[in-house]
C-alpha cells in the first residue's frame, strides 16, 4: 500500500476530501507531482483530469517543484488599484525571475495569486505563510533579506 493510499484509508478519504488531501500531500512532498496526482486519483476512484483540475485551480497548490520560499503577490482589484504592479516589478528586478519561475538556487519561487485576504493592507504579498501589506518598492529588499 502506498503512502497516499495509507493516508486515504486512515482518513476514510473520498471525493469531498480531495482538496484537503491535496493540501496535505503537497505539505508532505513539497508539490503535487504527476505521479502523486495519479495515485490520488486511483485511490479516490476519480479521473486524473478531475484531480489535476482541482490541483491546478487553486493558486496555493503547485504541480511543479517550488523554491524554499514561495512569494505570492496578490493580483486582486484592491492591490491592483494600489499599484501592485510596482511590487511585481520590484520583485522581478530583485530576484531576476518572472512570475511563475523559481530562482536558480531554488531559494525563491515567485507567483501571482488572487486575494490573500488583506485587502485593507493593499498592495500585499505572502512569503510562505507570512503576510506583508502596505508595500512599496523600497520595502522589498528589506523583506527579502530576512529570507536569505
C-alpha atoms as a PDB file:
ATOM      1  CA  UNK A   1       0.000   0.000   0.000  1.00  0.00           C
ATOM      2  CA  UNK A   2       1.380   3.397  -0.984  1.00  0.00           C
ATOM      3  CA  UNK A   3       1.779   6.362   1.369  1.00  0.00           C
ATOM      4  CA  UNK A   4      -1.138   8.101  -0.343  1.00  0.00           C
ATOM      5  CA  UNK A   5      -3.365   5.028  -0.081  1.00  0.00           C
ATOM      6  CA  UNK A   6      -2.448   4.648   3.602  1.00  0.00           C
ATOM      7  CA  UNK A   7      -3.303   8.308   4.209  1.00  0.00           C
ATOM      8  CA  UNK A   8      -6.648   7.962   2.455  1.00  0.00           C
ATOM      9  CA  UNK A   9      -7.582   4.747   4.228  1.00  0.00           C
ATOM     10  CA  UNK A  10      -6.624   6.184   7.611  1.00  0.00           C
ATOM     11  CA  UNK A  11      -8.759   9.270   6.983  1.00  0.00           C
ATOM     12  CA  UNK A  12     -11.541   7.451   5.137  1.00  0.00           C
ATOM     13  CA  UNK A  13     -10.919   9.808   2.216  1.00  0.00           C
ATOM     14  CA  UNK A  14     -13.442  10.373  -0.519  1.00  0.00           C
ATOM     15  CA  UNK A  15     -14.200  12.922  -3.222  1.00  0.00           C
ATOM     16  CA  UNK A  16     -15.356  15.510  -0.679  1.00  0.00           C
ATOM     17  CA  UNK A  17     -11.940  15.498   0.957  1.00  0.00           C
ATOM     18  CA  UNK A  18      -9.949  15.902  -2.267  1.00  0.00           C
ATOM     19  CA  UNK A  19      -8.844  19.487  -1.659  1.00  0.00           C
ATOM     20  CA  UNK A  20      -7.836  18.800   1.944  1.00  0.00           C
ATOM     21  CA  UNK A  21      -5.916  15.712   0.808  1.00  0.00           C
ATOM     22  CA  UNK A  22      -4.118  17.670  -1.933  1.00  0.00           C
ATOM     23  CA  UNK A  23      -3.057  20.274   0.629  1.00  0.00           C
ATOM     24  CA  UNK A  24      -1.752  17.587   2.995  1.00  0.00           C
ATOM     25  CA  UNK A  25       0.101  15.725   0.247  1.00  0.00           C
ATOM     26  CA  UNK A  26       1.717  18.933  -1.003  1.00  0.00           C
ATOM     27  CA  UNK A  27       2.757  19.727   2.558  1.00  0.00           C
ATOM     28  CA  UNK A  28       4.479  16.344   2.844  1.00  0.00           C
ATOM     29  CA  UNK A  29       6.070  16.148  -0.601  1.00  0.00           C
ATOM     30  CA  UNK A  30       6.600  19.830  -1.451  1.00  0.00           C
ATOM     31  CA  UNK A  31       4.486  19.766  -4.610  1.00  0.00           C
ATOM     32  CA  UNK A  32       1.936  17.611  -6.404  1.00  0.00           C
ATOM     33  CA  UNK A  33       3.873  15.609  -8.982  1.00  0.00           C
ATOM     34  CA  UNK A  34       2.083  13.835 -11.798  1.00  0.00           C
ATOM     35  CA  UNK A  35       2.801  10.543 -10.073  1.00  0.00           C
ATOM     36  CA  UNK A  36       1.157  11.738  -6.860  1.00  0.00           C
ATOM     37  CA  UNK A  37      -1.874  13.065  -8.737  1.00  0.00           C
ATOM     38  CA  UNK A  38      -2.334   9.710 -10.496  1.00  0.00           C
ATOM     39  CA  UNK A  39      -2.036   7.882  -7.181  1.00  0.00           C
ATOM     40  CA  UNK A  40      -4.575  10.186  -5.515  1.00  0.00           C
ATOM     41  CA  UNK A  41      -6.981   9.758  -8.434  1.00  0.00           C
ATOM     42  CA  UNK A  42      -6.735   5.955  -8.298  1.00  0.00           C
ATOM     43  CA  UNK A  43      -7.124   5.896  -4.537  1.00  0.00           C
ATOM     44  CA  UNK A  44     -10.261   8.037  -4.633  1.00  0.00           C
ATOM     45  CA  UNK A  45     -11.724   6.469  -7.750  1.00  0.00           C
ATOM     46  CA  UNK A  46     -11.544   9.751  -9.670  1.00  0.00           C
ATOM     47  CA  UNK A  47     -10.152  10.565 -13.085  1.00  0.00           C
ATOM     48  CA  UNK A  48      -6.688  12.048 -13.211  1.00  0.00           C
ATOM     49  CA  UNK A  49      -8.126  15.073 -15.036  1.00  0.00           C
ATOM     50  CA  UNK A  50     -10.545  15.752 -12.147  1.00  0.00           C
ATOM     51  CA  UNK A  51      -7.719  15.663  -9.606  1.00  0.00           C
ATOM     52  CA  UNK A  52      -5.396  17.678 -11.854  1.00  0.00           C
ATOM     53  CA  UNK A  53      -8.171  20.238 -12.409  1.00  0.00           C
ATOM     54  CA  UNK A  54      -8.558  20.811  -8.677  1.00  0.00           C
ATOM     55  CA  UNK A  55      -4.784  20.826  -8.102  1.00  0.00           C
ATOM     56  CA  UNK A  56      -4.203  23.484 -10.751  1.00  0.00           C
ATOM     57  CA  UNK A  57      -7.277  25.601  -9.998  1.00  0.00           C
ATOM     58  CA  UNK A  58      -6.121  26.633  -6.530  1.00  0.00           C
ATOM     59  CA  UNK A  59      -3.175  29.005  -6.656  1.00  0.00           C
ATOM     60  CA  UNK A  60      -1.740  27.760  -3.367  1.00  0.00           C
ATOM     61  CA  UNK A  61      -1.260  24.277  -4.815  1.00  0.00           C
ATOM     62  CA  UNK A  62       1.569  23.518  -7.194  1.00  0.00           C
ATOM     63  CA  UNK A  63       2.093  20.758  -9.732  1.00  0.00           C
ATOM     64  CA  UNK A  64       5.777  21.672 -10.054  1.00  0.00           C
ATOM     65  CA  UNK A  65       8.623  21.939  -7.547  1.00  0.00           C
ATOM     66  CA  UNK A  66       8.743  25.215  -5.639  1.00  0.00           C
ATOM     67  CA  UNK A  67      11.595  27.113  -4.059  1.00  0.00           C
ATOM     68  CA  UNK A  68      12.250  27.126  -0.326  1.00  0.00           C
ATOM     69  CA  UNK A  69      10.357  30.424  -0.046  1.00  0.00           C
ATOM     70  CA  UNK A  70       7.242  30.934  -2.138  1.00  0.00           C
ATOM     71  CA  UNK A  71       6.370  34.564  -2.773  1.00  0.00           C
ATOM     72  CA  UNK A  72       2.745  35.182  -3.708  1.00  0.00           C
ATOM     73  CA  UNK A  73       1.804  38.684  -4.812  1.00  0.00           C
ATOM     74  CA  UNK A  74      -1.876  39.499  -4.700  1.00  0.00           C
ATOM     75  CA  UNK A  75      -3.314  40.460  -8.073  1.00  0.00           C
ATOM     76  CA  UNK A  76      -6.858  41.246  -6.946  1.00  0.00           C
ATOM     77  CA  UNK A  77      -8.538  44.580  -7.694  1.00  0.00           C
ATOM     78  CA  UNK A  78      -7.689  46.362  -4.396  1.00  0.00           C
ATOM     79  CA  UNK A  79      -3.995  45.503  -4.762  1.00  0.00           C
ATOM     80  CA  UNK A  80      -4.030  46.393  -8.452  1.00  0.00           C
ATOM     81  CA  UNK A  81      -5.556  49.776  -7.672  1.00  0.00           C
ATOM     82  CA  UNK A  82      -2.842  50.374  -5.066  1.00  0.00           C
ATOM     83  CA  UNK A  83      -0.066  49.760  -7.633  1.00  0.00           C
ATOM     84  CA  UNK A  84       0.737  46.098  -7.050  1.00  0.00           C
ATOM     85  CA  UNK A  85       2.437  46.200 -10.457  1.00  0.00           C
ATOM     86  CA  UNK A  86       5.243  48.236  -8.843  1.00  0.00           C
ATOM     87  CA  UNK A  87       5.702  45.441  -6.295  1.00  0.00           C
ATOM     88  CA  UNK A  88       5.762  42.842  -9.063  1.00  0.00           C
ATOM     89  CA  UNK A  89       8.365  44.833 -10.998  1.00  0.00           C
ATOM     90  CA  UNK A  90      10.482  45.290  -7.854  1.00  0.00           C
ATOM     91  CA  UNK A  91      10.417  41.553  -7.178  1.00  0.00           C
ATOM     92  CA  UNK A  92      11.294  40.761 -10.800  1.00  0.00           C
ATOM     93  CA  UNK A  93      14.290  43.089 -10.560  1.00  0.00           C
ATOM     94  CA  UNK A  94      15.411  41.864  -7.132  1.00  0.00           C
ATOM     95  CA  UNK A  95      15.004  38.135  -7.843  1.00  0.00           C
ATOM     96  CA  UNK A  96      15.852  38.245 -11.559  1.00  0.00           C
ATOM     97  CA  UNK A  97      12.907  35.976 -12.336  1.00  0.00           C
ATOM     98  CA  UNK A  98       9.357  36.459 -13.601  1.00  0.00           C
ATOM     99  CA  UNK A  99       6.114  35.297 -12.008  1.00  0.00           C
ATOM    100  CA  UNK A 100       5.810  31.538 -12.370  1.00  0.00           C
ATOM    101  CA  UNK A 101       9.567  30.996 -12.073  1.00  0.00           C
ATOM    102  CA  UNK A 102      11.986  29.840  -9.384  1.00  0.00           C
ATOM    103  CA  UNK A 103      15.449  31.274  -8.763  1.00  0.00           C
ATOM    104  CA  UNK A 104      18.341  29.083  -9.976  1.00  0.00           C
ATOM    105  CA  UNK A 105      19.350  28.371  -6.360  1.00  0.00           C
ATOM    106  CA  UNK A 106      15.757  27.289  -5.530  1.00  0.00           C
ATOM    107  CA  UNK A 107      15.620  29.834  -2.729  1.00  0.00           C
ATOM    108  CA  UNK A 108      12.547  31.670  -4.081  1.00  0.00           C
ATOM    109  CA  UNK A 109       9.549  30.929  -6.273  1.00  0.00           C
ATOM    110  CA  UNK A 110       7.521  33.892  -7.470  1.00  0.00           C
ATOM    111  CA  UNK A 111       3.783  33.549  -8.065  1.00  0.00           C
ATOM    112  CA  UNK A 112       0.829  35.825  -8.677  1.00  0.00           C
ATOM    113  CA  UNK A 113      -2.309  34.863  -6.809  1.00  0.00           C
ATOM    114  CA  UNK A 114      -5.839  36.002  -6.205  1.00  0.00           C
ATOM    115  CA  UNK A 115      -6.912  37.615  -2.971  1.00  0.00           C
ATOM    116  CA  UNK A 116      -4.915  36.687   0.126  1.00  0.00           C
ATOM    117  CA  UNK A 117      -7.424  38.296   2.468  1.00  0.00           C
ATOM    118  CA  UNK A 118      -5.691  41.514   3.462  1.00  0.00           C
ATOM    119  CA  UNK A 119      -7.351  43.987   1.110  1.00  0.00           C
ATOM    120  CA  UNK A 120      -7.165  46.686   3.793  1.00  0.00           C
ATOM    121  CA  UNK A 121      -3.353  46.474   3.562  1.00  0.00           C
ATOM    122  CA  UNK A 122      -3.067  46.587  -0.240  1.00  0.00           C
ATOM    123  CA  UNK A 123      -0.774  46.066  -2.010  1.00  0.00           C
ATOM    124  CA  UNK A 124       0.096  42.820  -0.286  1.00  0.00           C
ATOM    125  CA  UNK A 125       2.108  39.640  -0.680  1.00  0.00           C
ATOM    126  CA  UNK A 126       2.844  36.457   1.214  1.00  0.00           C
ATOM    127  CA  UNK A 127       6.141  34.701   1.642  1.00  0.00           C
ATOM    128  CA  UNK A 128       5.332  31.176   2.739  1.00  0.00           C
ATOM    129  CA  UNK A 129       2.753  31.884   5.476  1.00  0.00           C
ATOM    130  CA  UNK A 130       3.967  35.406   6.345  1.00  0.00           C
ATOM    131  CA  UNK A 131       1.801  38.275   5.087  1.00  0.00           C
ATOM    132  CA  UNK A 132       3.210  41.683   4.179  1.00  0.00           C
ATOM    133  CA  UNK A 133       0.969  44.648   3.434  1.00  0.00           C
ATOM    134  CA  UNK A 134       1.112  48.334   2.649  1.00  0.00           C
ATOM    135  CA  UNK A 135       4.033  47.513   0.387  1.00  0.00           C
ATOM    136  CA  UNK A 136       6.124  49.868  -1.650  1.00  0.00           C
ATOM    137  CA  UNK A 137       9.163  49.075  -3.804  1.00  0.00           C
ATOM    138  CA  UNK A 138      11.553  50.247  -1.077  1.00  0.00           C
ATOM    139  CA  UNK A 139      10.361  47.562   1.355  1.00  0.00           C
ATOM    140  CA  UNK A 140      11.014  44.635  -0.980  1.00  0.00           C
ATOM    141  CA  UNK A 141      14.800  44.323  -0.480  1.00  0.00           C
ATOM    142  CA  UNK A 142      14.431  44.560   3.289  1.00  0.00           C
ATOM    143  CA  UNK A 143      11.737  41.887   3.387  1.00  0.00           C
ATOM    144  CA  UNK A 144      13.650  39.506   1.122  1.00  0.00           C
ATOM    145  CA  UNK A 145      16.830  39.943   3.188  1.00  0.00           C
ATOM    146  CA  UNK A 146      15.048  38.204   6.044  1.00  0.00           C
ATOM    147  CA  UNK A 147      14.696  35.068   3.890  1.00  0.00           C
ATOM    148  CA  UNK A 148      18.245  34.793   2.571  1.00  0.00           C
END
